[in-house]
Amino acid sequence: MGQPDRPGIVAGLLAVPEVISAHYTTGDADILAQVAAKGTSDLHRITNAILVVDGVVRTSTAIFLDEVIPYRPHALLRVAADSWRRPARSQPLPRTARGSVYSPRQ
């Protein structure tokens, strides 16, 4: 697909209710669409509906067999929060944190 077709393709994917998410990508595919299907025949029907979208040239299918790591933003948020709370050891603490008195008026 070419760059000018992207908005039309996104609109077409929005019209397919089984498309539950879509992302622009790098590599061989331009858009990765996640769909929900009841089985392989339903997936075939959904794939054909996507191929009818104006601007879609081809599809490639991969099926999730089992989830090995569930969506887990908490681990990343915990690391980010810890690094935000503690200054890096190589950086000196601000003067007010080392015991100096900070006074905005002088």
PDB file of N, CA and C in Angstrom:
ATOM      1  N   MET A   1       0.849  -1.174   0.000  1.00  0.00           N
ATOM      2  CA  MET A   1       0.000   0.000   0.000  1.00  0.00           C
ATOM      3  C   MET A   1       0.889   1.230   0.000  1.00  0.00           C
ATOM      4  N   GLY A   2       0.435   2.302  -0.573  1.00  0.00           N
ATOM      5  CA  GLY A   2       1.197   3.537  -0.587  1.00  0.00           C
ATOM      6  C   GLY A   2       0.764   4.458   0.533  1.00  0.00           C
ATOM      7  N   GLN A   3       1.590   5.412   0.841  1.00  0.00           N
ATOM      8  CA  GLN A   3       1.287   6.363   1.909  1.00  0.00           C
ATOM      9  C   GLN A   3      -0.079   7.039   1.752  1.00  0.00           C
ATOM     10  N   PRO A   4      -0.491   7.483   0.539  1.00  0.00           N
ATOM     11  CA  PRO A   4      -1.772   8.181   0.425  1.00  0.00           C
ATOM     12  C   PRO A   4      -2.983   7.318   0.781  1.00  0.00           C
ATOM     13  N   ASP A   5      -2.846   5.980   0.700  1.00  0.00           N
ATOM     14  CA  ASP A   5      -3.974   5.097   0.964  1.00  0.00           C
ATOM     15  C   ASP A   5      -4.233   4.851   2.444  1.00  0.00           C
ATOM     16  N   ARG A   6      -3.308   5.193   3.305  1.00  0.00           N
ATOM     17  CA  ARG A   6      -3.428   4.838   4.720  1.00  0.00           C
ATOM     18  C   ARG A   6      -4.735   5.296   5.367  1.00  0.00           C
ATOM     19  N   PRO A   7      -5.140   6.543   5.247  1.00  0.00           N
ATOM     20  CA  PRO A   7      -6.402   6.941   5.889  1.00  0.00           C
ATOM     21  C   PRO A   7      -7.603   6.145   5.386  1.00  0.00           C
ATOM     22  N   GLY A   8      -7.638   5.845   4.100  1.00  0.00           N
ATOM     23  CA  GLY A   8      -8.732   5.052   3.549  1.00  0.00           C
ATOM     24  C   GLY A   8      -8.721   3.628   4.067  1.00  0.00           C
ATOM     25  N   ILE A   9      -7.533   3.073   4.208  1.00  0.00           N
ATOM     26  CA  ILE A   9      -7.427   1.712   4.726  1.00  0.00           C
ATOM     27  C   ILE A   9      -7.860   1.669   6.182  1.00  0.00           C
ATOM     28  N   VAL A  10      -7.438   2.640   6.964  1.00  0.00           N
ATOM     29  CA  VAL A  10      -7.851   2.688   8.374  1.00  0.00           C
ATOM     30  C   VAL A  10      -9.366   2.794   8.471  1.00  0.00           C
ATOM     31  N   ALA A  11      -9.969   3.644   7.657  1.00  0.00           N
ATOM     32  CA  ALA A  11     -11.435   3.772   7.665  1.00  0.00           C
ATOM     33  C   ALA A  11     -12.085   2.448   7.281  1.00  0.00           C
ATOM     34  N   GLY A  12     -11.510   1.752   6.297  1.00  0.00           N
ATOM     35  CA  GLY A  12     -12.045   0.462   5.891  1.00  0.00           C
ATOM     36  C   GLY A  12     -11.916  -0.587   6.981  1.00  0.00           C
ATOM     37  N   LEU A  13     -10.787  -0.587   7.688  1.00  0.00           N
ATOM     38  CA  LEU A  13     -10.602  -1.530   8.795  1.00  0.00           C
ATOM     39  C   LEU A  13     -11.569  -1.246   9.943  1.00  0.00           C
ATOM     40  N   LEU A  14     -11.860   0.033  10.168  1.00  0.00           N
ATOM     41  CA  LEU A  14     -12.828   0.386  11.216  1.00  0.00           C
ATOM     42  C   LEU A  14     -14.218  -0.159  10.909  1.00  0.00           C
ATOM     43  N   ALA A  15     -14.503  -0.385   9.655  1.00  0.00           N
ATOM     44  CA  ALA A  15     -15.810  -0.916   9.258  1.00  0.00           C
ATOM     45  C   ALA A  15     -15.910  -2.432   9.466  1.00  0.00           C
ATOM     46  N   VAL A  16     -14.790  -3.077   9.762  1.00  0.00           N
ATOM     47  CA  VAL A  16     -14.786  -4.519  10.033  1.00  0.00           C
ATOM     48  C   VAL A  16     -14.809  -4.687  11.551  1.00  0.00           C
ATOM     49  N   PRO A  17     -15.943  -5.076  12.144  1.00  0.00           N
ATOM     50  CA  PRO A  17     -16.049  -5.094  13.610  1.00  0.00           C
ATOM     51  C   PRO A  17     -15.093  -6.061  14.299  1.00  0.00           C
ATOM     52  N   GLU A  18     -14.628  -7.069  13.600  1.00  0.00           N
ATOM     53  CA  GLU A  18     -13.705  -8.037  14.207  1.00  0.00           C
ATOM     54  C   GLU A  18     -12.281  -7.500  14.345  1.00  0.00           C
ATOM     55  N   VAL A  19     -11.976  -6.383  13.695  1.00  0.00           N
ATOM     56  CA  VAL A  19     -10.658  -5.753  13.866  1.00  0.00           C
ATOM     57  C   VAL A  19     -10.679  -5.058  15.225  1.00  0.00           C
ATOM     58  N   ILE A  20      -9.871  -5.578  16.152  1.00  0.00           N
ATOM     59  CA  ILE A  20      -9.911  -5.025  17.521  1.00  0.00           C
ATOM     60  C   ILE A  20      -8.766  -4.050  17.801  1.00  0.00           C
ATOM     61  N   SER A  21      -7.734  -4.050  16.955  1.00  0.00           N
ATOM     62  CA  SER A  21      -6.680  -3.040  17.051  1.00  0.00           C
ATOM     63  C   SER A  21      -5.907  -3.039  15.741  1.00  0.00           C
ATOM     64  N   ALA A  22      -5.220  -1.943  15.474  1.00  0.00           N
ATOM     65  CA  ALA A  22      -4.377  -1.852  14.281  1.00  0.00           C
ATOM     66  C   ALA A  22      -3.233  -0.886  14.567  1.00  0.00           C
ATOM     67  N   HIS A  23      -2.076  -1.199  14.012  1.00  0.00           N
ATOM     68  CA  HIS A  23      -0.874  -0.395  14.256  1.00  0.00           C
ATOM     69  C   HIS A  23      -0.101  -0.239  12.956  1.00  0.00           C
ATOM     70  N   TYR A  24       0.429   0.962  12.697  1.00  0.00           N
ATOM     71  CA  TYR A  24       1.382   1.130  11.603  1.00  0.00           C
ATOM     72  C   TYR A  24       2.659   0.407  12.023  1.00  0.00           C
ATOM     73  N   THR A  25       3.336  -0.226  11.064  1.00  0.00           N
ATOM     74  CA  THR A  25       4.526  -0.996  11.386  1.00  0.00           C
ATOM     75  C   THR A  25       5.671  -0.661  10.441  1.00  0.00           C
ATOM     76  N   THR A  26       6.838  -1.167  10.786  1.00  0.00           N
ATOM     77  CA  THR A  26       7.981  -1.153   9.874  1.00  0.00           C
ATOM     78  C   THR A  26       8.108  -2.566   9.317  1.00  0.00           C
ATOM     79  N   GLY A  27       8.905  -2.730   8.299  1.00  0.00           N
ATOM     80  CA  GLY A  27       9.124  -4.067   7.751  1.00  0.00           C
ATOM     81  C   GLY A  27       8.209  -4.361   6.581  1.00  0.00           C
ATOM     82  N   ASP A  28       7.882  -5.634   6.409  1.00  0.00           N
ATOM     83  CA  ASP A  28       7.121  -6.084   5.244  1.00  0.00           C
ATOM     84  C   ASP A  28       5.682  -5.577   5.228  1.00  0.00           C
ATOM     85  N   ALA A  29       5.075  -5.435   6.387  1.00  0.00           N
ATOM     86  CA  ALA A  29       3.676  -4.999   6.462  1.00  0.00           C
ATOM     87  C   ALA A  29       3.614  -3.507   6.756  1.00  0.00           C
ATOM     88  N   ASP A  30       2.579  -2.867   6.271  1.00  0.00           N
ATOM     89  CA  ASP A  30       2.369  -1.446   6.566  1.00  0.00           C
ATOM     90  C   ASP A  30       1.492  -1.264   7.800  1.00  0.00           C
ATOM     91  N   ILE A  31       0.512  -2.144   7.954  1.00  0.00           N
ATOM     92  CA  ILE A  31      -0.400  -2.093   9.102  1.00  0.00           C
ATOM     93  C   ILE A  31      -0.550  -3.511   9.654  1.00  0.00           C
ATOM     94  N   LEU A  32      -0.476  -3.630  10.972  1.00  0.00           N
ATOM     95  CA  LEU A  32      -0.746  -4.891  11.642  1.00  0.00           C
ATOM     96  C   LEU A  32      -2.107  -4.755  12.306  1.00  0.00           C
ATOM     97  N   ALA A  33      -3.038  -5.587  11.886  1.00  0.00           N
ATOM     98  CA  ALA A  33      -4.390  -5.554  12.453  1.00  0.00           C
ATOM     99  C   ALA A  33      -4.599  -6.813  13.278  1.00  0.00           C
ATOM    100  N   GLN A  34      -5.060  -6.640  14.494  1.00  0.00           N
ATOM    101  CA  GLN A  34      -5.413  -7.777  15.342  1.00  0.00           C
ATOM    102  C   GLN A  34      -6.911  -7.982  15.224  1.00  0.00           C
ATOM    103  N   VAL A  35      -7.307  -9.208  14.945  1.00  0.00           N
ATOM    104  CA  VAL A  35      -8.723  -9.507  14.779  1.00  0.00           C
ATOM    105  C   VAL A  35      -9.140 -10.585  15.771  1.00  0.00           C
ATOM    106  N   ALA A  36     -10.429 -10.636  16.053  1.00  0.00           N
ATOM    107  CA  ALA A  36     -11.002 -11.689  16.885  1.00  0.00           C
ATOM    108  C   ALA A  36     -11.848 -12.575  15.991  1.00  0.00           C
ATOM    109  N   ALA A  37     -11.547 -13.866  15.997  1.00  0.00           N
ATOM    110  CA  ALA A  37     -12.277 -14.819  15.163  1.00  0.00           C
ATOM    111  C   ALA A  37     -12.683 -16.023  16.004  1.00  0.00           C
ATOM    112  N   LYS A  38     -13.816 -16.610  15.648  1.00  0.00           N
ATOM    113  CA  LYS A  38     -14.327 -17.792  16.364  1.00  0.00           C
ATOM    114  C   LYS A  38     -13.556 -19.056  15.993  1.00  0.00           C
ATOM    115  N   GLY A  39     -13.000 -19.092  14.826  1.00  0.00           N
ATOM    116  CA  GLY A  39     -12.274 -20.265  14.337  1.00  0.00           C
ATOM    117  C   GLY A  39     -11.636 -19.944  13.005  1.00  0.00           C
ATOM    118  N   THR A  40     -11.090 -20.960  12.368  1.00  0.00           N
ATOM    119  CA  THR A  40     -10.372 -20.721  11.112  1.00  0.00           C
ATOM    120  C   THR A  40     -11.295 -20.306   9.974  1.00  0.00           C
ATOM    121  N   SER A  41     -12.513 -20.855   9.918  1.00  0.00           N
ATOM    122  CA  SER A  41     -13.424 -20.433   8.842  1.00  0.00           C
ATOM    123  C   SER A  41     -13.876 -18.987   9.061  1.00  0.00           C
ATOM    124  N   ASP A  42     -14.056 -18.600  10.309  1.00  0.00           N
ATOM    125  CA  ASP A  42     -14.402 -17.209  10.616  1.00  0.00           C
ATOM    126  C   ASP A  42     -13.225 -16.288  10.284  1.00  0.00           C
ATOM    127  N   LEU A  43     -12.014 -16.748  10.572  1.00  0.00           N
ATOM    128  CA  LEU A  43     -10.820 -15.975  10.228  1.00  0.00           C
ATOM    129  C   LEU A  43     -10.721 -15.793   8.715  1.00  0.00           C
ATOM    130  N   HIS A  44     -11.044 -16.824   7.974  1.00  0.00           N
ATOM    131  CA  HIS A  44     -11.038 -16.742   6.508  1.00  0.00           C
ATOM    132  C   HIS A  44     -12.042 -15.683   6.027  1.00  0.00           C
ATOM    133  N   ARG A  45     -13.237 -15.665   6.618  1.00  0.00           N
ATOM    134  CA  ARG A  45     -14.251 -14.663   6.273  1.00  0.00           C
ATOM    135  C   ARG A  45     -13.749 -13.256   6.585  1.00  0.00           C
ATOM    136  N   ILE A  46     -13.139 -13.086   7.754  1.00  0.00           N
ATOM    137  CA  ILE A  46     -12.631 -11.766   8.167  1.00  0.00           C
ATOM    138  C   ILE A  46     -11.498 -11.322   7.244  1.00  0.00           C
ATOM    139  N   THR A  47     -10.606 -12.229   6.902  1.00  0.00           N
ATOM    140  CA  THR A  47      -9.507 -11.915   5.990  1.00  0.00           C
ATOM    141  C   THR A  47     -10.046 -11.451   4.640  1.00  0.00           C
ATOM    142  N   ASN A  48     -11.076 -12.143   4.150  1.00  0.00           N
ATOM    143  CA  ASN A  48     -11.689 -11.713   2.882  1.00  0.00           C
ATOM    144  C   ASN A  48     -12.333 -10.342   3.006  1.00  0.00           C
ATOM    145  N   ALA A  49     -12.934 -10.031   4.168  1.00  0.00           N
ATOM    146  CA  ALA A  49     -13.514  -8.701   4.376  1.00  0.00           C
ATOM    147  C   ALA A  49     -12.423  -7.634   4.372  1.00  0.00           C
ATOM    148  N   ILE A  50     -11.272  -7.954   4.925  1.00  0.00           N
ATOM    149  CA  ILE A  50     -10.152  -7.003   4.928  1.00  0.00           C
ATOM    150  C   ILE A  50      -9.607  -6.820   3.515  1.00  0.00           C
ATOM    151  N   LEU A  51      -9.545  -7.889   2.736  1.00  0.00           N
ATOM    152  CA  LEU A  51      -9.047  -7.788   1.358  1.00  0.00           C
ATOM    153  C   LEU A  51      -9.945  -6.944   0.461  1.00  0.00           C
ATOM    154  N   VAL A  52     -11.213  -6.800   0.840  1.00  0.00           N
ATOM    155  CA  VAL A  52     -12.143  -5.976   0.066  1.00  0.00           C
ATOM    156  C   VAL A  52     -11.910  -4.479   0.326  1.00  0.00           C
ATOM    157  N   VAL A  53     -11.250  -4.147   1.459  1.00  0.00           N
ATOM    158  CA  VAL A  53     -10.982  -2.742   1.797  1.00  0.00           C
ATOM    159  C   VAL A  53     -10.138  -2.121   0.697  1.00  0.00           C
ATOM    160  N   ASP A  54     -10.590  -0.990   0.182  1.00  0.00           N
ATOM    161  CA  ASP A  54      -9.888  -0.293  -0.884  1.00  0.00           C
ATOM    162  C   ASP A  54      -8.479   0.081  -0.436  1.00  0.00           C
ATOM    163  N   GLY A  55      -7.481  -0.356  -1.185  1.00  0.00           N
ATOM    164  CA  GLY A  55      -6.087  -0.062  -0.864  1.00  0.00           C
ATOM    165  C   GLY A  55      -5.346  -1.243  -0.272  1.00  0.00           C
ATOM    166  N   VAL A  56      -6.042  -2.235   0.259  1.00  0.00           N
ATOM    167  CA  VAL A  56      -5.385  -3.434   0.783  1.00  0.00           C
ATOM    168  C   VAL A  56      -5.039  -4.326  -0.398  1.00  0.00           C
ATOM    169  N   VAL A  57      -3.766  -4.668  -0.507  1.00  0.00           N
ATOM    170  CA  VAL A  57      -3.287  -5.465  -1.632  1.00  0.00           C
ATOM    171  C   VAL A  57      -3.195  -6.942  -1.257  1.00  0.00           C
ATOM    172  N   ARG A  58      -2.730  -7.214  -0.052  1.00  0.00           N
ATOM    173  CA  ARG A  58      -2.589  -8.597   0.406  1.00  0.00           C
ATOM    174  C   ARG A  58      -2.641  -8.628   1.927  1.00  0.00           C
ATOM    175  N   THR A  59      -2.867  -9.808   2.458  1.00  0.00           N
ATOM    176  CA  THR A  59      -2.831 -10.002   3.909  1.00  0.00           C
ATOM    177  C   THR A  59      -1.902 -11.166   4.215  1.00  0.00           C
ATOM    178  N   SER A  60      -1.457 -11.217   5.433  1.00  0.00           N
ATOM    179  CA  SER A  60      -0.673 -12.327   5.944  1.00  0.00           C
ATOM    180  C   SER A  60      -1.239 -12.628   7.327  1.00  0.00           C
ATOM    181  N   THR A  61      -1.387 -13.892   7.645  1.00  0.00           N
ATOM    182  CA  THR A  61      -2.053 -14.269   8.882  1.00  0.00           C
ATOM    183  C   THR A  61      -1.117 -15.026   9.807  1.00  0.00           C
ATOM    184  N   ALA A  62      -1.158 -14.687  11.063  1.00  0.00           N
ATOM    185  CA  ALA A  62      -0.488 -15.437  12.128  1.00  0.00           C
ATOM    186  C   ALA A  62      -1.516 -15.604  13.235  1.00  0.00           C
ATOM    187  N   ILE A  63      -1.556 -16.775  13.818  1.00  0.00           N
ATOM    188  CA  ILE A  63      -2.542 -17.065  14.860  1.00  0.00           C
ATOM    189  C   ILE A  63      -1.837 -17.177  16.205  1.00  0.00           C
ATOM    190  N   PHE A  64      -2.361 -16.470  17.219  1.00  0.00           N
ATOM    191  CA  PHE A  64      -1.847 -16.614  18.573  1.00  0.00           C
ATOM    192  C   PHE A  64      -2.254 -17.988  19.090  1.00  0.00           C
ATOM    193  N   LEU A  65      -1.296 -18.798  19.494  1.00  0.00           N
ATOM    194  CA  LEU A  65      -1.603 -20.121  20.022  1.00  0.00           C
ATOM    195  C   LEU A  65      -1.826 -20.083  21.525  1.00  0.00           C
ATOM    196  N   ASP A  66      -0.960 -19.370  22.231  1.00  0.00           N
ATOM    197  CA  ASP A  66      -1.071 -19.285  23.677  1.00  0.00           C
ATOM    198  C   ASP A  66      -0.338 -18.034  24.141  1.00  0.00           C
ATOM    199  N   GLU A  67      -0.845 -17.421  25.175  1.00  0.00           N
ATOM    200  CA  GLU A  67      -0.216 -16.220  25.723  1.00  0.00           C
ATOM    201  C   GLU A  67       0.853 -16.657  26.720  1.00  0.00           C
ATOM    202  N   VAL A  68       2.098 -16.258  26.474  1.00  0.00           N
ATOM    203  CA  VAL A  68       3.173 -16.634  27.385  1.00  0.00           C
ATOM    204  C   VAL A  68       3.531 -15.505  28.348  1.00  0.00           C
ATOM    205  N   ILE A  69       3.351 -14.270  27.930  1.00  0.00           N
ATOM    206  CA  ILE A  69       3.531 -13.113  28.815  1.00  0.00           C
ATOM    207  C   ILE A  69       2.324 -12.218  28.613  1.00  0.00           C
ATOM    208  N   PRO A  70       1.472 -12.102  29.605  1.00  0.00           N
ATOM    209  CA  PRO A  70       0.310 -11.227  29.454  1.00  0.00           C
ATOM    210  C   PRO A  70       0.735  -9.762  29.448  1.00  0.00           C
ATOM    211  N   TYR A  71      -0.145  -8.920  28.941  1.00  0.00           N
ATOM    212  CA  TYR A  71       0.101  -7.477  28.944  1.00  0.00           C
ATOM    213  C   TYR A  71       0.434  -7.054  30.367  1.00  0.00           C
ATOM    214  N   ARG A  72       1.564  -6.406  30.575  1.00  0.00           N
ATOM    215  CA  ARG A  72       2.025  -6.117  31.930  1.00  0.00           C
ATOM    216  C   ARG A  72       2.687  -4.744  32.054  1.00  0.00           C
ATOM    217  N   PRO A  73       1.922  -3.700  31.960  1.00  0.00           N
ATOM    218  CA  PRO A  73       2.518  -2.371  32.078  1.00  0.00           C
ATOM    219  C   PRO A  73       3.022  -2.065  33.484  1.00  0.00           C
ATOM    220  N   HIS A  74       2.528  -2.779  34.508  1.00  0.00           N
ATOM    221  CA  HIS A  74       2.903  -2.473  35.896  1.00  0.00           C
ATOM    222  C   HIS A  74       4.394  -2.652  36.150  1.00  0.00           C
ATOM    223  N   ALA A  75       5.017  -3.667  35.537  1.00  0.00           N
ATOM    224  CA  ALA A  75       6.454  -3.878  35.727  1.00  0.00           C
ATOM    225  C   ALA A  75       7.240  -2.673  35.212  1.00  0.00           C
ATOM    226  N   LEU A  76       6.905  -2.185  34.046  1.00  0.00           N
ATOM    227  CA  LEU A  76       7.586  -1.024  33.473  1.00  0.00           C
ATOM    228  C   LEU A  76       7.298   0.237  34.289  1.00  0.00           C
ATOM    229  N   LEU A  77       6.065   0.421  34.714  1.00  0.00           N
ATOM    230  CA  LEU A  77       5.714   1.593  35.518  1.00  0.00           C
ATOM    231  C   LEU A  77       6.445   1.588  36.855  1.00  0.00           C
ATOM    232  N   ARG A  78       6.617   0.408  37.447  1.00  0.00           N
ATOM    233  CA  ARG A  78       7.331   0.308  38.722  1.00  0.00           C
ATOM    234  C   ARG A  78       8.797   0.718  38.535  1.00  0.00           C
ATOM    235  N   VAL A  79       9.427   0.249  37.473  1.00  0.00           N
ATOM    236  CA  VAL A  79      10.819   0.614  37.202  1.00  0.00           C
ATOM    237  C   VAL A  79      10.930   2.113  36.941  1.00  0.00           C
ATOM    238  N   ALA A  80      10.014   2.649  36.158  1.00  0.00           N
ATOM    239  CA  ALA A  80      10.041   4.087  35.852  1.00  0.00           C
ATOM    240  C   ALA A  80       9.834   4.914  37.115  1.00  0.00           C
ATOM    241  N   ALA A  81       8.909   4.498  37.965  1.00  0.00           N
ATOM    242  CA  ALA A  81       8.646   5.240  39.200  1.00  0.00           C
ATOM    243  C   ALA A  81       9.852   5.198  40.118  1.00  0.00           C
ATOM    244  N   ASP A  82      10.514   4.056  40.233  1.00  0.00           N
ATOM    245  CA  ASP A  82      11.704   3.945  41.084  1.00  0.00           C
ATOM    246  C   ASP A  82      12.830   4.827  40.571  1.00  0.00           C
ATOM    247  N   SER A  83      13.035   4.868  39.258  1.00  0.00           N
ATOM    248  CA  SER A  83      14.110   5.695  38.716  1.00  0.00           C
ATOM    249  C   SER A  83      13.782   7.183  38.834  1.00  0.00           C
ATOM    250  N   TRP A  84      12.517   7.520  38.849  1.00  0.00           N
ATOM    251  CA  TRP A  84      12.119   8.917  38.990  1.00  0.00           C
ATOM    252  C   TRP A  84      12.314   9.381  40.428  1.00  0.00           C
ATOM    253  N   ARG A  85      12.062   8.518  41.389  1.00  0.00           N
ATOM    254  CA  ARG A  85      12.177   8.883  42.808  1.00  0.00           C
ATOM    255  C   ARG A  85      13.617   9.051  43.244  1.00  0.00           C
ATOM    256  N   ARG A  86      14.512   8.231  42.735  1.00  0.00           N
ATOM    257  CA  ARG A  86      15.903   8.251  43.160  1.00  0.00           C
ATOM    258  C   ARG A  86      16.778   8.937  42.120  1.00  0.00           C
ATOM    259  N   PRO A  87      17.558   9.951  42.510  1.00  0.00           N
ATOM    260  CA  PRO A  87      18.505  10.506  41.537  1.00  0.00           C
ATOM    261  C   PRO A  87      19.607   9.483  41.276  1.00  0.00           C
ATOM    262  N   ALA A  88      20.159   9.528  40.096  1.00  0.00           N
ATOM    263  CA  ALA A  88      21.254   8.616  39.762  1.00  0.00           C
ATOM    264  C   ALA A  88      22.425   8.881  40.692  1.00  0.00           C
ATOM    265  N   ARG A  89      23.158   7.850  41.069  1.00  0.00           N
ATOM    266  CA  ARG A  89      24.271   7.995  42.020  1.00  0.00           C
ATOM    267  C   ARG A  89      25.388   8.883  41.471  1.00  0.00           C
ATOM    268  N   SER A  90      25.523   8.946  40.162  1.00  0.00           N
ATOM    269  CA  SER A  90      26.591   9.760  39.592  1.00  0.00           C
ATOM    270  C   SER A  90      26.251  11.246  39.586  1.00  0.00           C
ATOM    271  N   GLN A  91      25.000  11.588  39.867  1.00  0.00           N
ATOM    272  CA  GLN A  91      24.595  12.990  39.862  1.00  0.00           C
ATOM    273  C   GLN A  91      24.567  13.517  41.296  1.00  0.00           C
ATOM    274  N   PRO A  92      25.151  14.701  41.544  1.00  0.00           N
ATOM    275  CA  PRO A  92      25.082  15.264  42.898  1.00  0.00           C
ATOM    276  C   PRO A  92      23.652  15.698  43.220  1.00  0.00           C
ATOM    277  N   LEU A  93      23.329  15.649  44.485  1.00  0.00           N
ATOM    278  CA  LEU A  93      22.012  16.112  44.917  1.00  0.00           C
ATOM    279  C   LEU A  93      21.934  17.624  44.793  1.00  0.00           C
ATOM    280  N   PRO A  94      20.748  18.187  44.575  1.00  0.00           N
ATOM    281  CA  PRO A  94      20.608  19.647  44.555  1.00  0.00           C
ATOM    282  C   PRO A  94      21.050  20.229  45.904  1.00  0.00           C
ATOM    283  N   ARG A  95      21.468  21.496  45.905  1.00  0.00           N
ATOM    284  CA  ARG A  95      21.970  22.131  47.121  1.00  0.00           C
ATOM    285  C   ARG A  95      20.965  22.040  48.265  1.00  0.00           C
ATOM    286  N   THR A  96      19.686  22.219  47.991  1.00  0.00           N
ATOM    287  CA  THR A  96      18.698  22.179  49.070  1.00  0.00           C
ATOM    288  C   THR A  96      18.608  20.792  49.684  1.00  0.00           C
ATOM    289  N   ALA A  97      18.892  19.752  48.940  1.00  0.00           N
ATOM    290  CA  ALA A  97      18.818  18.392  49.455  1.00  0.00           C
ATOM    291  C   ALA A  97      20.051  18.033  50.279  1.00  0.00           C
ATOM    292  N   ARG A  98      21.150  18.832  50.166  1.00  0.00           N
ATOM    293  CA  ARG A  98      22.370  18.552  50.924  1.00  0.00           C
ATOM    294  C   ARG A  98      22.435  19.362  52.218  1.00  0.00           C
ATOM    295  N   GLY A  99      21.374  20.037  52.556  1.00  0.00           N
ATOM    296  CA  GLY A  99      21.378  20.740  53.821  1.00  0.00           C
ATOM    297  C   GLY A  99      21.385  22.255  53.687  1.00  0.00           C
ATOM    298  N   SER A 100      21.619  22.795  52.518  1.00  0.00           N
ATOM    299  CA  SER A 100      21.580  24.242  52.355  1.00  0.00           C
ATOM    300  C   SER A 100      20.126  24.694  52.442  1.00  0.00           C
ATOM    301  N   VAL A 101      19.955  25.898  52.855  1.00  0.00           N
ATOM    302  CA  VAL A 101      18.608  26.447  52.942  1.00  0.00           C
ATOM    303  C   VAL A 101      18.310  27.189  51.643  1.00  0.00           C
ATOM    304  N   TYR A 102      17.203  26.855  51.044  1.00  0.00           N
ATOM    305  CA  TYR A 102      16.811  27.509  49.806  1.00  0.00           C
ATOM    306  C   TYR A 102      15.858  28.637  50.155  1.00  0.00           C
ATOM    307  N   SER A 103      16.167  29.816  49.676  1.00  0.00           N
ATOM    308  CA  SER A 103      15.304  30.958  49.906  1.00  0.00           C
ATOM    309  C   SER A 103      15.087  31.666  48.584  1.00  0.00           C
ATOM    310  N   PRO A 104      13.835  31.724  48.102  1.00  0.00           N
ATOM    311  CA  PRO A 104      13.582  32.382  46.821  1.00  0.00           C
ATOM    312  C   PRO A 104      13.800  33.890  46.880  1.00  0.00           C
ATOM    313  N   ARG A 105      13.697  34.486  48.079  1.00  0.00           N
ATOM    314  CA  ARG A 105      13.900  35.940  48.206  1.00  0.00           C
ATOM    315  C   ARG A 105      15.302  36.210  48.711  1.00  0.00           C
ATOM    316  N   GLN A 106      15.985  37.130  48.058  1.00  0.00           N
ATOM    317  CA  GLN A 106      17.315  37.507  48.540  1.00  0.00           C
ATOM    318  C   GLN A 106      17.490  38.982  48.484  1.00  0.00           C
TER     319      GLN A 106
END
